[in-house]
PDB file of all heavy atoms in Angstrom:
ATOM      1  N   ARG A   1       9.677  -2.611   3.261  1.00  0.00           N
ATOM      2  CA  ARG A   1      10.955  -3.048   2.824  1.00  0.00           C
ATOM      3  C   ARG A   1      11.135  -4.529   2.867  1.00  0.00           C
ATOM      4  O   ARG A   1      11.607  -5.181   1.957  1.00  0.00           O
ATOM      5  CB  ARG A   1      12.078  -2.294   3.594  1.00  0.00           C
ATOM      6  CG  ARG A   1      12.194  -0.893   3.133  1.00  0.00           C
ATOM      7  CD  ARG A   1      13.309  -0.170   3.898  1.00  0.00           C
ATOM      8  NE  ARG A   1      14.601  -0.680   3.434  1.00  0.00           N
ATOM      9  CZ  ARG A   1      15.745  -0.357   4.051  1.00  0.00           C
ATOM     10  NH1 ARG A   1      15.694   0.381   5.092  1.00  0.00           N
ATOM     11  NH2 ARG A   1      16.907  -0.843   3.552  1.00  0.00           N
ATOM     12  N   MET A   2      10.663  -5.117   4.006  1.00  0.00           N
ATOM     13  CA  MET A   2      10.782  -6.554   4.152  1.00  0.00           C
ATOM     14  C   MET A   2       9.892  -7.281   3.033  1.00  0.00           C
ATOM     15  O   MET A   2      10.277  -8.225   2.506  1.00  0.00           O
ATOM     16  CB  MET A   2      10.412  -7.037   5.545  1.00  0.00           C
ATOM     17  CG  MET A   2      11.470  -6.539   6.581  1.00  0.00           C
ATOM     18  SD  MET A   2      11.265  -7.261   8.232  1.00  0.00           S
ATOM     19  CE  MET A   2       9.546  -7.055   8.687  1.00  0.00           C
ATOM     20  N   ARG A   3       8.705  -6.684   2.916  1.00  0.00           N
ATOM     21  CA  ARG A   3       7.759  -7.254   1.915  1.00  0.00           C
ATOM     22  C   ARG A   3       8.176  -7.128   0.442  1.00  0.00           C
ATOM     23  O   ARG A   3       7.769  -7.780  -0.394  1.00  0.00           O
ATOM     24  CB  ARG A   3       6.344  -6.779   2.111  1.00  0.00           C
ATOM     25  CG  ARG A   3       5.782  -7.440   3.383  1.00  0.00           C
ATOM     26  CD  ARG A   3       4.300  -7.645   3.166  1.00  0.00           C
ATOM     27  NE  ARG A   3       3.689  -8.474   4.115  1.00  0.00           N
ATOM     28  CZ  ARG A   3       2.363  -8.405   4.406  1.00  0.00           C
ATOM     29  NH1 ARG A   3       1.715  -7.435   3.926  1.00  0.00           N
ATOM     30  NH2 ARG A   3       1.827  -9.221   5.278  1.00  0.00           N
ATOM     31  N   GLU A   4       9.057  -6.125   0.227  1.00  0.00           N
ATOM     32  CA  GLU A   4       9.645  -6.018  -1.116  1.00  0.00           C
ATOM     33  C   GLU A   4      10.467  -7.223  -1.455  1.00  0.00           C
ATOM     34  O   GLU A   4      10.598  -7.692  -2.610  1.00  0.00           O
ATOM     35  CB  GLU A   4      10.466  -4.744  -1.253  1.00  0.00           C
ATOM     36  CG  GLU A   4       9.652  -3.502  -1.331  1.00  0.00           C
ATOM     37  CD  GLU A   4      10.523  -2.196  -1.230  1.00  0.00           C
ATOM     38  OE1 GLU A   4      11.780  -2.319  -0.966  1.00  0.00           O
ATOM     39  OE2 GLU A   4       9.972  -1.143  -1.423  1.00  0.00           O
ATOM     40  N   ARG A   5      11.186  -7.721  -0.443  1.00  0.00           N
ATOM     41  CA  ARG A   5      11.998  -8.956  -0.537  1.00  0.00           C
ATOM     42  C   ARG A   5      11.193 -10.224  -0.473  1.00  0.00           C
ATOM     43  O   ARG A   5      11.526 -11.288  -1.066  1.00  0.00           O
ATOM     44  CB  ARG A   5      13.086  -8.933   0.506  1.00  0.00           C
ATOM     45  CG  ARG A   5      14.123  -7.819   0.311  1.00  0.00           C
ATOM     46  CD  ARG A   5      15.197  -7.906   1.399  1.00  0.00           C
ATOM     47  NE  ARG A   5      16.177  -6.884   1.157  1.00  0.00           N
ATOM     48  CZ  ARG A   5      16.143  -5.624   1.684  1.00  0.00           C
ATOM     49  NH1 ARG A   5      15.147  -5.252   2.402  1.00  0.00           N
ATOM     50  NH2 ARG A   5      17.185  -4.832   1.535  1.00  0.00           N
ATOM     51  N   ARG A   6      10.150 -10.172   0.348  1.00  0.00           N
ATOM     52  CA  ARG A   6       9.310 -11.381   0.516  1.00  0.00           C
ATOM     53  C   ARG A   6       7.837 -10.991   0.637  1.00  0.00           C
ATOM     54  O   ARG A   6       7.346 -10.719   1.767  1.00  0.00           O
ATOM     55  CB  ARG A   6       9.758 -12.151   1.776  1.00  0.00           C
ATOM     56  CG  ARG A   6       8.926 -13.472   1.896  1.00  0.00           C
ATOM     57  CD  ARG A   6       9.455 -14.419   2.877  1.00  0.00           C
ATOM     58  NE  ARG A   6       8.456 -15.289   3.231  1.00  0.00           N
ATOM     59  CZ  ARG A   6       8.260 -15.830   4.376  1.00  0.00           C
ATOM     60  NH1 ARG A   6       9.089 -15.631   5.395  1.00  0.00           N
ATOM     61  NH2 ARG A   6       7.251 -16.633   4.659  1.00  0.00           N
ATOM     62  N   PRO A   7       7.160 -10.779  -0.518  1.00  0.00           N
ATOM     63  CA  PRO A   7       5.820 -10.245  -0.486  1.00  0.00           C
ATOM     64  C   PRO A   7       4.838 -11.006   0.400  1.00  0.00           C
ATOM     65  O   PRO A   7       3.872 -10.487   0.824  1.00  0.00           O
ATOM     66  CB  PRO A   7       5.438 -10.345  -1.966  1.00  0.00           C
ATOM     67  CG  PRO A   7       6.625 -10.395  -2.725  1.00  0.00           C
ATOM     68  CD  PRO A   7       7.668 -11.120  -1.874  1.00  0.00           C
ATOM     69  N   ASP A   8       4.972 -12.366   0.600  1.00  0.00           N
ATOM     70  CA  ASP A   8       4.077 -13.133   1.340  1.00  0.00           C
ATOM     71  C   ASP A   8       4.370 -13.202   2.873  1.00  0.00           C
ATOM     72  O   ASP A   8       3.803 -13.989   3.579  1.00  0.00           O
ATOM     73  CB  ASP A   8       3.957 -14.513   0.738  1.00  0.00           C
ATOM     74  CG  ASP A   8       5.301 -15.299   0.898  1.00  0.00           C
ATOM     75  OD1 ASP A   8       6.375 -14.661   1.033  1.00  0.00           O
ATOM     76  OD2 ASP A   8       5.274 -16.553   0.853  1.00  0.00           O
ATOM     77  N   LEU A   9       5.310 -12.351   3.332  1.00  0.00           N
ATOM     78  CA  LEU A   9       5.798 -12.400   4.722  1.00  0.00           C
ATOM     79  C   LEU A   9       4.561 -12.141   5.655  1.00  0.00           C
ATOM     80  O   LEU A   9       3.995 -10.974   5.614  1.00  0.00           O
ATOM     81  CB  LEU A   9       6.914 -11.455   4.986  1.00  0.00           C
ATOM     82  CG  LEU A   9       7.393 -11.456   6.415  1.00  0.00           C
ATOM     83  CD1 LEU A   9       8.087 -12.682   6.789  1.00  0.00           C
ATOM     84  CD2 LEU A   9       8.292 -10.150   6.611  1.00  0.00           C
ATOM     85  N   PRO A  10       4.173 -13.015   6.531  1.00  0.00           N
ATOM     86  CA  PRO A  10       3.164 -12.686   7.534  1.00  0.00           C
ATOM     87  C   PRO A  10       3.742 -11.728   8.552  1.00  0.00           C
ATOM     88  O   PRO A  10       4.861 -11.956   9.105  1.00  0.00           O
ATOM     89  CB  PRO A  10       2.860 -14.123   8.144  1.00  0.00           C
ATOM     90  CG  PRO A  10       3.316 -15.104   7.223  1.00  0.00           C
ATOM     91  CD  PRO A  10       4.569 -14.495   6.507  1.00  0.00           C
ATOM     92  N   VAL A  11       2.984 -10.695   8.890  1.00  0.00           N
ATOM     93  CA  VAL A  11       3.449  -9.709   9.848  1.00  0.00           C
ATOM     94  C   VAL A  11       2.377  -9.410  10.893  1.00  0.00           C
ATOM     95  O   VAL A  11       1.195  -9.216  10.548  1.00  0.00           O
ATOM     96  CB  VAL A  11       3.814  -8.462   9.176  1.00  0.00           C
ATOM     97  CG1 VAL A  11       4.197  -7.310  10.099  1.00  0.00           C
ATOM     98  CG2 VAL A  11       4.900  -8.635   8.124  1.00  0.00           C
ATOM     99  N   VAL A  12       2.759  -9.373  12.171  1.00  0.00           N
ATOM    100  CA  VAL A  12       1.946  -8.809  13.236  1.00  0.00           C
ATOM    101  C   VAL A  12       2.513  -7.458  13.527  1.00  0.00           C
ATOM    102  O   VAL A  12       3.751  -7.377  13.960  1.00  0.00           O
ATOM    103  CB  VAL A  12       1.969  -9.728  14.477  1.00  0.00           C
ATOM    104  CG1 VAL A  12       1.213  -8.982  15.565  1.00  0.00           C
ATOM    105  CG2 VAL A  12       1.336 -11.053  14.192  1.00  0.00           C
ATOM    106  N   ALA A  13       1.800  -6.365  13.362  1.00  0.00           N
ATOM    107  CA  ALA A  13       2.240  -5.035  13.617  1.00  0.00           C
ATOM    108  C   ALA A  13       1.792  -4.638  15.006  1.00  0.00           C
ATOM    109  O   ALA A  13       0.604  -4.804  15.327  1.00  0.00           O
ATOM    110  CB  ALA A  13       1.786  -4.033  12.648  1.00  0.00           C
ATOM    111  N   ILE A  14       2.705  -4.032  15.892  1.00  0.00           N
ATOM    112  CA  ILE A  14       2.295  -3.746  17.227  1.00  0.00           C
ATOM    113  C   ILE A  14       2.527  -2.271  17.453  1.00  0.00           C
ATOM    114  O   ILE A  14       3.476  -1.698  16.846  1.00  0.00           O
ATOM    115  CB  ILE A  14       2.983  -4.568  18.308  1.00  0.00           C
ATOM    116  CG1 ILE A  14       4.586  -4.489  18.149  1.00  0.00           C
ATOM    117  CG2 ILE A  14       2.546  -6.051  18.186  1.00  0.00           C
ATOM    118  CD1 ILE A  14       5.308  -5.284  19.204  1.00  0.00           C
ATOM    119  N   SER A  15       1.761  -1.617  18.335  1.00  0.00           N
ATOM    120  CA  SER A  15       1.952  -0.202  18.623  1.00  0.00           C
ATOM    121  C   SER A  15       1.337   0.103  19.942  1.00  0.00           C
ATOM    122  O   SER A  15       0.132  -0.394  20.228  1.00  0.00           O
ATOM    123  CB  SER A  15       1.454   0.667  17.471  1.00  0.00           C
ATOM    124  OG  SER A  15       1.532   2.025  17.911  1.00  0.00           O
ATOM    125  N   GLY A  16       1.845   0.951  20.681  1.00  0.00           N
ATOM    126  CA  GLY A  16       1.294   1.513  21.905  1.00  0.00           C
ATOM    127  C   GLY A  16       0.766   2.898  21.767  1.00  0.00           C
ATOM    128  O   GLY A  16       0.253   3.549  22.647  1.00  0.00           O
ATOM    129  N   MET A  17       0.976   3.506  20.560  1.00  0.00           N
ATOM    130  CA  MET A  17       0.790   4.857  20.382  1.00  0.00           C
ATOM    131  C   MET A  17      -0.676   5.217  19.758  1.00  0.00           C
ATOM    132  O   MET A  17      -1.223   6.174  20.030  1.00  0.00           O
ATOM    133  CB  MET A  17       1.794   5.508  19.452  1.00  0.00           C
ATOM    134  CG  MET A  17       3.139   5.385  20.035  1.00  0.00           C
ATOM    135  SD  MET A  17       3.424   6.822  21.105  1.00  0.00           S
ATOM    136  CE  MET A  17       5.013   7.361  20.585  1.00  0.00           C
ATOM    137  N   THR A  18      -1.188   4.320  18.922  1.00  0.00           N
ATOM    138  CA  THR A  18      -2.343   4.704  18.118  1.00  0.00           C
ATOM    139  C   THR A  18      -3.017   3.344  17.646  1.00  0.00           C
ATOM    140  O   THR A  18      -2.436   2.325  17.735  1.00  0.00           O
ATOM    141  CB  THR A  18      -1.935   5.496  16.857  1.00  0.00           C
ATOM    142  OG1 THR A  18      -3.123   5.888  16.180  1.00  0.00           O
ATOM    143  CG2 THR A  18      -1.070   4.766  15.961  1.00  0.00           C
ATOM    144  N   THR A  19      -4.219   3.500  17.187  1.00  0.00           N
ATOM    145  CA  THR A  19      -4.814   2.360  16.549  1.00  0.00           C
ATOM    146  C   THR A  19      -4.148   2.160  15.213  1.00  0.00           C
ATOM    147  O   THR A  19      -3.586   3.016  14.605  1.00  0.00           O
ATOM    148  CB  THR A  19      -6.362   2.567  16.299  1.00  0.00           C
ATOM    149  OG1 THR A  19      -6.473   3.670  15.440  1.00  0.00           O
ATOM    150  CG2 THR A  19      -7.059   2.758  17.616  1.00  0.00           C
ATOM    151  N   LEU A  20      -4.182   0.929  14.767  1.00  0.00           N
ATOM    152  CA  LEU A  20      -3.362   0.590  13.519  1.00  0.00           C
ATOM    153  C   LEU A  20      -4.323   0.293  12.357  1.00  0.00           C
ATOM    154  O   LEU A  20      -3.830  -0.397  11.367  1.00  0.00           O
ATOM    155  CB  LEU A  20      -2.521  -0.651  13.841  1.00  0.00           C
ATOM    156  CG  LEU A  20      -1.510  -0.401  14.969  1.00  0.00           C
ATOM    157  CD1 LEU A  20      -0.828  -1.731  15.357  1.00  0.00           C
ATOM    158  CD2 LEU A  20      -0.514   0.712  14.598  1.00  0.00           C
ATOM    159  N   ASP A  21      -5.517   0.800  12.344  1.00  0.00           N
ATOM    160  CA  ASP A  21      -6.467   0.501  11.278  1.00  0.00           C
ATOM    161  C   ASP A  21      -5.943   0.958   9.920  1.00  0.00           C
ATOM    162  O   ASP A  21      -6.253   0.325   8.886  1.00  0.00           O
ATOM    163  CB  ASP A  21      -7.844   1.170  11.526  1.00  0.00           C
ATOM    164  CG  ASP A  21      -8.533   0.616  12.714  1.00  0.00           C
ATOM    165  OD1 ASP A  21      -8.100  -0.510  13.144  1.00  0.00           O
ATOM    166  OD2 ASP A  21      -9.363   1.317  13.333  1.00  0.00           O
ATOM    167  N   PHE A  22      -5.139   1.980   9.957  1.00  0.00           N
ATOM    168  CA  PHE A  22      -4.637   2.550   8.639  1.00  0.00           C
ATOM    169  C   PHE A  22      -3.700   1.551   7.942  1.00  0.00           C
ATOM    170  O   PHE A  22      -3.586   1.604   6.669  1.00  0.00           O
ATOM    171  CB  PHE A  22      -3.881   3.866   8.911  1.00  0.00           C
ATOM    172  CG  PHE A  22      -2.590   3.708   9.608  1.00  0.00           C
ATOM    173  CD1 PHE A  22      -1.377   3.478   8.838  1.00  0.00           C
ATOM    174  CD2 PHE A  22      -2.565   3.723  11.003  1.00  0.00           C
ATOM    175  CE1 PHE A  22      -0.210   3.330   9.602  1.00  0.00           C
ATOM    176  CE2 PHE A  22      -1.376   3.551  11.715  1.00  0.00           C
ATOM    177  CZ  PHE A  22      -0.188   3.330  10.915  1.00  0.00           C
ATOM    178  N   LEU A  23      -3.198   0.603   8.567  1.00  0.00           N
ATOM    179  CA  LEU A  23      -2.223  -0.354   7.953  1.00  0.00           C
ATOM    180  C   LEU A  23      -2.901  -1.211   6.933  1.00  0.00           C
ATOM    181  O   LEU A  23      -2.287  -1.531   5.874  1.00  0.00           O
ATOM    182  CB  LEU A  23      -1.602  -1.280   9.022  1.00  0.00           C
ATOM    183  CG  LEU A  23      -0.531  -0.601   9.928  1.00  0.00           C
ATOM    184  CD1 LEU A  23      -0.029  -1.617  10.919  1.00  0.00           C
ATOM    185  CD2 LEU A  23       0.633  -0.060   9.081  1.00  0.00           C
ATOM    186  N   THR A  24      -4.111  -1.635   7.114  1.00  0.00           N
ATOM    187  CA  THR A  24      -4.830  -2.562   6.393  1.00  0.00           C
ATOM    188  C   THR A  24      -5.276  -1.868   5.041  1.00  0.00           C
ATOM    189  O   THR A  24      -5.719  -2.608   4.187  1.00  0.00           O
ATOM    190  CB  THR A  24      -5.983  -3.300   7.020  1.00  0.00           C
ATOM    191  OG1 THR A  24      -6.871  -2.254   7.520  1.00  0.00           O
ATOM    192  CG2 THR A  24      -5.427  -4.103   8.204  1.00  0.00           C
ATOM    193  N   GLU A  25      -5.194  -0.506   4.974  1.00  0.00           N
ATOM    194  CA  GLU A  25      -5.658   0.115   3.775  1.00  0.00           C
ATOM    195  C   GLU A  25      -4.630   0.190   2.678  1.00  0.00           C
ATOM    196  O   GLU A  25      -4.932   0.482   1.518  1.00  0.00           O
ATOM    197  CB  GLU A  25      -6.082   1.536   4.224  1.00  0.00           C
ATOM    198  CG  GLU A  25      -7.232   1.588   5.175  1.00  0.00           C
ATOM    199  CD  GLU A  25      -7.527   2.960   5.706  1.00  0.00           C
ATOM    200  OE1 GLU A  25      -6.895   3.918   5.275  1.00  0.00           O
ATOM    201  OE2 GLU A  25      -8.342   3.128   6.623  1.00  0.00           O
ATOM    202  N   SER A  26      -3.399  -0.191   2.977  1.00  0.00           N
ATOM    203  CA  SER A  26      -2.291  -0.120   1.964  1.00  0.00           C
ATOM    204  C   SER A  26      -2.128  -1.456   1.340  1.00  0.00           C
ATOM    205  O   SER A  26      -2.041  -2.535   2.058  1.00  0.00           O
ATOM    206  CB  SER A  26      -1.073   0.438   2.644  1.00  0.00           C
ATOM    207  OG  SER A  26       0.037   0.212   1.769  1.00  0.00           O
ATOM    208  N   LEU A  27      -1.937  -1.570   0.028  1.00  0.00           N
ATOM    209  CA  LEU A  27      -1.780  -2.770  -0.669  1.00  0.00           C
ATOM    210  C   LEU A  27      -0.493  -3.498  -0.189  1.00  0.00           C
ATOM    211  O   LEU A  27      -0.544  -4.669   0.019  1.00  0.00           O
ATOM    212  CB  LEU A  27      -1.698  -2.530  -2.181  1.00  0.00           C
ATOM    213  CG  LEU A  27      -1.566  -3.840  -3.041  1.00  0.00           C
ATOM    214  CD1 LEU A  27      -2.750  -4.685  -2.819  1.00  0.00           C
ATOM    215  CD2 LEU A  27      -1.487  -3.417  -4.518  1.00  0.00           C
ATOM    216  N   GLU A  28       0.538  -2.710   0.032  1.00  0.00           N
ATOM    217  CA  GLU A  28       1.808  -3.361   0.488  1.00  0.00           C
ATOM    218  C   GLU A  28       1.608  -3.934   1.857  1.00  0.00           C
ATOM    219  O   GLU A  28       2.424  -4.794   2.295  1.00  0.00           O
ATOM    220  CB  GLU A  28       2.934  -2.276   0.548  1.00  0.00           C
ATOM    221  CG  GLU A  28       3.270  -1.701  -0.730  1.00  0.00           C
ATOM    222  CD  GLU A  28       2.443  -0.484  -1.081  1.00  0.00           C
ATOM    223  OE1 GLU A  28       1.666   0.054  -0.243  1.00  0.00           O
ATOM    224  OE2 GLU A  28       2.605   0.048  -2.214  1.00  0.00           O
ATOM    225  N   LEU A  29       0.683  -3.490   2.664  1.00  0.00           N
ATOM    226  CA  LEU A  29       0.480  -4.024   3.998  1.00  0.00           C
ATOM    227  C   LEU A  29      -0.734  -4.857   4.198  1.00  0.00           C
ATOM    228  O   LEU A  29      -1.291  -5.129   5.303  1.00  0.00           O
ATOM    229  CB  LEU A  29       0.367  -2.789   4.952  1.00  0.00           C
ATOM    230  CG  LEU A  29       1.607  -1.870   4.852  1.00  0.00           C
ATOM    231  CD1 LEU A  29       1.338  -0.598   5.709  1.00  0.00           C
ATOM    232  CD2 LEU A  29       2.825  -2.577   5.345  1.00  0.00           C
ATOM    233  N   SER A  30      -1.203  -5.438   3.084  1.00  0.00           N
ATOM    234  CA  SER A  30      -2.382  -6.325   3.153  1.00  0.00           C
ATOM    235  C   SER A  30      -1.941  -7.502   4.041  1.00  0.00           C
ATOM    236  O   SER A  30      -0.839  -7.950   4.064  1.00  0.00           O
ATOM    237  CB  SER A  30      -2.749  -6.800   1.741  1.00  0.00           C
ATOM    238  OG  SER A  30      -1.715  -7.529   1.142  1.00  0.00           O
ATOM    239  N   ASN A  31      -2.995  -8.069   4.675  1.00  0.00           N
ATOM    240  CA  ASN A  31      -2.853  -9.231   5.532  1.00  0.00           C
ATOM    241  C   ASN A  31      -2.007  -8.988   6.792  1.00  0.00           C
ATOM    242  O   ASN A  31      -1.618  -9.975   7.428  1.00  0.00           O
ATOM    243  CB  ASN A  31      -2.370 -10.464   4.746  1.00  0.00           C
ATOM    244  CG  ASN A  31      -3.388 -10.943   3.751  1.00  0.00           C
ATOM    245  OD1 ASN A  31      -4.537 -10.812   3.965  1.00  0.00           O
ATOM    246  ND2 ASN A  31      -2.909 -11.543   2.721  1.00  0.00           N
ATOM    247  N   VAL A  32      -1.682  -7.689   7.137  1.00  0.00           N
ATOM    248  CA  VAL A  32      -1.013  -7.437   8.311  1.00  0.00           C
ATOM    249  C   VAL A  32      -2.016  -7.545   9.466  1.00  0.00           C
ATOM    250  O   VAL A  32      -3.137  -7.063   9.398  1.00  0.00           O
ATOM    251  CB  VAL A  32      -0.326  -6.062   8.407  1.00  0.00           C
ATOM    252  CG1 VAL A  32       0.076  -5.654   9.736  1.00  0.00           C
ATOM    253  CG2 VAL A  32       0.739  -6.002   7.355  1.00  0.00           C
ATOM    254  N   VAL A  33      -1.685  -8.188  10.569  1.00  0.00           N
ATOM    255  CA  VAL A  33      -2.517  -8.261  11.684  1.00  0.00           C
ATOM    256  C   VAL A  33      -2.023  -7.217  12.713  1.00  0.00           C
ATOM    257  O   VAL A  33      -0.814  -7.195  12.959  1.00  0.00           O
ATOM    258  CB  VAL A  33      -2.540  -9.755  12.381  1.00  0.00           C
ATOM    259  CG1 VAL A  33      -3.294  -9.692  13.729  1.00  0.00           C
ATOM    260  CG2 VAL A  33      -3.200 -10.641  11.393  1.00  0.00           C
ATOM    261  N   CYS A  34      -2.979  -6.455  13.289  1.00  0.00           N
ATOM    262  CA  CYS A  34      -2.492  -5.350  14.210  1.00  0.00           C
ATOM    263  C   CYS A  34      -2.859  -5.788  15.587  1.00  0.00           C
ATOM    264  O   CYS A  34      -3.914  -6.296  15.891  1.00  0.00           O
ATOM    265  CB  CYS A  34      -3.299  -4.094  13.804  1.00  0.00           C
ATOM    266  SG  CYS A  34      -2.940  -3.567  12.143  1.00  0.00           S
ATOM    267  N   LEU A  35      -1.896  -5.330  16.516  1.00  0.00           N
ATOM    268  CA  LEU A  35      -2.096  -5.632  17.894  1.00  0.00           C
ATOM    269  C   LEU A  35      -1.704  -4.426  18.688  1.00  0.00           C
ATOM    270  O   LEU A  35      -0.563  -3.896  18.518  1.00  0.00           O
ATOM    271  CB  LEU A  35      -1.211  -6.842  18.347  1.00  0.00           C
ATOM    272  CG  LEU A  35      -1.327  -7.386  19.753  1.00  0.00           C
ATOM    273  CD1 LEU A  35      -2.731  -7.800  20.107  1.00  0.00           C
ATOM    274  CD2 LEU A  35      -0.319  -8.506  19.910  1.00  0.00           C
ATOM    275  N   GLN A  36      -2.591  -3.935  19.587  1.00  0.00           N
ATOM    276  CA  GLN A  36      -2.354  -2.730  20.432  1.00  0.00           C
ATOM    277  C   GLN A  36      -1.643  -3.131  21.665  1.00  0.00           C
ATOM    278  O   GLN A  36      -2.036  -4.068  22.352  1.00  0.00           O
ATOM    279  CB  GLN A  36      -3.779  -2.161  20.716  1.00  0.00           C
ATOM    280  CG  GLN A  36      -3.720  -0.765  21.399  1.00  0.00           C
ATOM    281  CD  GLN A  36      -3.404   0.314  20.440  1.00  0.00           C
ATOM    282  OE1 GLN A  36      -3.662   0.317  19.283  1.00  0.00           O
ATOM    283  NE2 GLN A  36      -2.678   1.305  20.861  1.00  0.00           N
ATOM    284  N   LYS A  37      -0.562  -2.362  21.961  1.00  0.00           N
ATOM    285  CA  LYS A  37       0.033  -2.459  23.261  1.00  0.00           C
ATOM    286  C   LYS A  37      -0.680  -1.699  24.299  1.00  0.00           C
ATOM    287  O   LYS A  37      -1.229  -0.678  23.974  1.00  0.00           O
ATOM    288  CB  LYS A  37       1.516  -1.868  23.164  1.00  0.00           C
ATOM    289  CG  LYS A  37       2.488  -2.521  22.334  1.00  0.00           C
ATOM    290  CD  LYS A  37       3.795  -1.743  22.364  1.00  0.00           C
ATOM    291  CE  LYS A  37       4.852  -2.240  21.490  1.00  0.00           C
ATOM    292  NZ  LYS A  37       6.112  -1.411  21.529  1.00  0.00           N
ATOM    293  N   PRO A  38      -0.702  -2.145  25.489  1.00  0.00           N
ATOM    294  CA  PRO A  38      -0.065  -3.298  26.068  1.00  0.00           C
ATOM    295  C   PRO A  38      -1.010  -4.551  25.656  1.00  0.00           C
ATOM    296  O   PRO A  38      -2.239  -4.420  25.658  1.00  0.00           O
ATOM    297  CB  PRO A  38      -0.005  -3.165  27.581  1.00  0.00           C
ATOM    298  CG  PRO A  38      -1.078  -2.178  27.797  1.00  0.00           C
ATOM    299  CD  PRO A  38      -1.328  -1.296  26.635  1.00  0.00           C
ATOM    300  N   PHE A  39      -0.423  -5.722  25.550  1.00  0.00           N
ATOM    301  CA  PHE A  39      -1.161  -6.865  25.250  1.00  0.00           C
ATOM    302  C   PHE A  39      -0.754  -8.075  26.177  1.00  0.00           C
ATOM    303  O   PHE A  39       0.358  -8.055  26.698  1.00  0.00           O
ATOM    304  CB  PHE A  39      -1.101  -7.272  23.799  1.00  0.00           C
ATOM    305  CG  PHE A  39       0.389  -7.344  23.254  1.00  0.00           C
ATOM    306  CD1 PHE A  39       1.118  -8.464  23.504  1.00  0.00           C
ATOM    307  CD2 PHE A  39       0.821  -6.297  22.575  1.00  0.00           C
ATOM    308  CE1 PHE A  39       2.429  -8.527  22.991  1.00  0.00           C
ATOM    309  CE2 PHE A  39       2.196  -6.302  22.117  1.00  0.00           C
ATOM    310  CZ  PHE A  39       2.993  -7.384  22.340  1.00  0.00           C
ATOM    311  N   ARG A  40      -1.633  -9.007  26.313  1.00  0.00           N
ATOM    312  CA  ARG A  40      -1.378 -10.153  27.146  1.00  0.00           C
ATOM    313  C   ARG A  40      -0.788 -11.270  26.226  1.00  0.00           C
ATOM    314  O   ARG A  40      -1.035 -11.296  24.964  1.00  0.00           O
ATOM    315  CB  ARG A  40      -2.614 -10.595  27.809  1.00  0.00           C
ATOM    316  CG  ARG A  40      -3.106  -9.592  28.889  1.00  0.00           C
ATOM    317  CD  ARG A  40      -4.247 -10.297  29.679  1.00  0.00           C
ATOM    318  NE  ARG A  40      -4.437  -9.609  30.872  1.00  0.00           N
ATOM    319  CZ  ARG A  40      -5.320  -8.715  31.066  1.00  0.00           C
ATOM    320  NH1 ARG A  40      -6.210  -8.443  30.165  1.00  0.00           N
ATOM    321  NH2 ARG A  40      -5.480  -8.071  32.299  1.00  0.00           N
ATOM    322  N   PRO A  41      -0.103 -12.225  26.773  1.00  0.00           N
ATOM    323  CA  PRO A  41       0.341 -13.333  25.957  1.00  0.00           C
ATOM    324  C   PRO A  41      -0.681 -14.037  25.200  1.00  0.00           C
ATOM    325  O   PRO A  41      -0.448 -14.391  24.011  1.00  0.00           O
ATOM    326  CB  PRO A  41       0.957 -14.285  27.059  1.00  0.00           C
ATOM    327  CG  PRO A  41       1.460 -13.383  28.159  1.00  0.00           C
ATOM    328  CD  PRO A  41       0.356 -12.314  28.181  1.00  0.00           C
ATOM    329  N   ASN A  42      -1.887 -14.242  25.740  1.00  0.00           N
ATOM    330  CA  ASN A  42      -2.887 -14.898  24.932  1.00  0.00           C
ATOM    331  C   ASN A  42      -3.348 -14.057  23.763  1.00  0.00           C
ATOM    332  O   ASN A  42      -3.730 -14.571  22.701  1.00  0.00           O
ATOM    333  CB  ASN A  42      -4.065 -15.295  25.758  1.00  0.00           C
ATOM    334  CG  ASN A  42      -4.813 -14.158  26.482  1.00  0.00           C
ATOM    335  OD1 ASN A  42      -4.206 -13.163  26.777  1.00  0.00           O
ATOM    336  ND2 ASN A  42      -6.129 -14.295  26.671  1.00  0.00           N
ATOM    337  N   GLU A  43      -3.308 -12.771  23.880  1.00  0.00           N
ATOM    338  CA  GLU A  43      -3.646 -11.837  22.759  1.00  0.00           C
ATOM    339  C   GLU A  43      -2.612 -11.927  21.688  1.00  0.00           C
ATOM    340  O   GLU A  43      -2.885 -11.800  20.521  1.00  0.00           O
ATOM    341  CB  GLU A  43      -3.855 -10.390  23.236  1.00  0.00           C
ATOM    342  CG  GLU A  43      -5.059 -10.282  24.201  1.00  0.00           C
ATOM    343  CD  GLU A  43      -5.048  -8.895  24.940  1.00  0.00           C
ATOM    344  OE1 GLU A  43      -3.900  -8.378  25.307  1.00  0.00           O
ATOM    345  OE2 GLU A  43      -6.113  -8.370  25.080  1.00  0.00           O
ATOM    346  N   LEU A  44      -1.345 -12.026  22.146  1.00  0.00           N
ATOM    347  CA  LEU A  44      -0.222 -12.163  21.135  1.00  0.00           C
ATOM    348  C   LEU A  44      -0.386 -13.433  20.351  1.00  0.00           C
ATOM    349  O   LEU A  44      -0.319 -13.484  19.104  1.00  0.00           O
ATOM    350  CB  LEU A  44       1.117 -12.110  21.904  1.00  0.00           C
ATOM    351  CG  LEU A  44       2.342 -12.385  20.931  1.00  0.00           C
ATOM    352  CD1 LEU A  44       2.424 -11.346  19.906  1.00  0.00           C
ATOM    353  CD2 LEU A  44       3.550 -12.447  21.832  1.00  0.00           C
ATOM    354  N   MET A  45      -0.659 -14.579  21.055  1.00  0.00           N
ATOM    355  CA  MET A  45      -0.800 -15.843  20.376  1.00  0.00           C
ATOM    356  C   MET A  45      -2.053 -15.821  19.458  1.00  0.00           C
ATOM    357  O   MET A  45      -2.024 -16.414  18.388  1.00  0.00           O
ATOM    358  CB  MET A  45      -0.906 -16.947  21.403  1.00  0.00           C
ATOM    359  CG  MET A  45       0.429 -17.167  22.159  1.00  0.00           C
ATOM    360  SD  MET A  45       1.882 -17.260  21.129  1.00  0.00           S
ATOM    361  CE  MET A  45       1.503 -18.752  20.122  1.00  0.00           C
ATOM    362  N   ALA A  46      -3.082 -15.167  19.814  1.00  0.00           N
ATOM    363  CA  ALA A  46      -4.267 -15.030  19.002  1.00  0.00           C
ATOM    364  C   ALA A  46      -3.902 -14.218  17.759  1.00  0.00           C
ATOM    365  O   ALA A  46      -4.314 -14.577  16.656  1.00  0.00           O
ATOM    366  CB  ALA A  46      -5.412 -14.413  19.721  1.00  0.00           C
TER     367      ALA A  46
END
């Protein structure tokens, strides 16, 4: 929904439940960077 309004919006997707590999397979979710919870501050900045 956010990318419908701004297609070039950079997004970091986070989750503690599952791996997020499926996100990069969708055209609407291209260029999303996935980060698994729990994460450290340096991992967030990376």
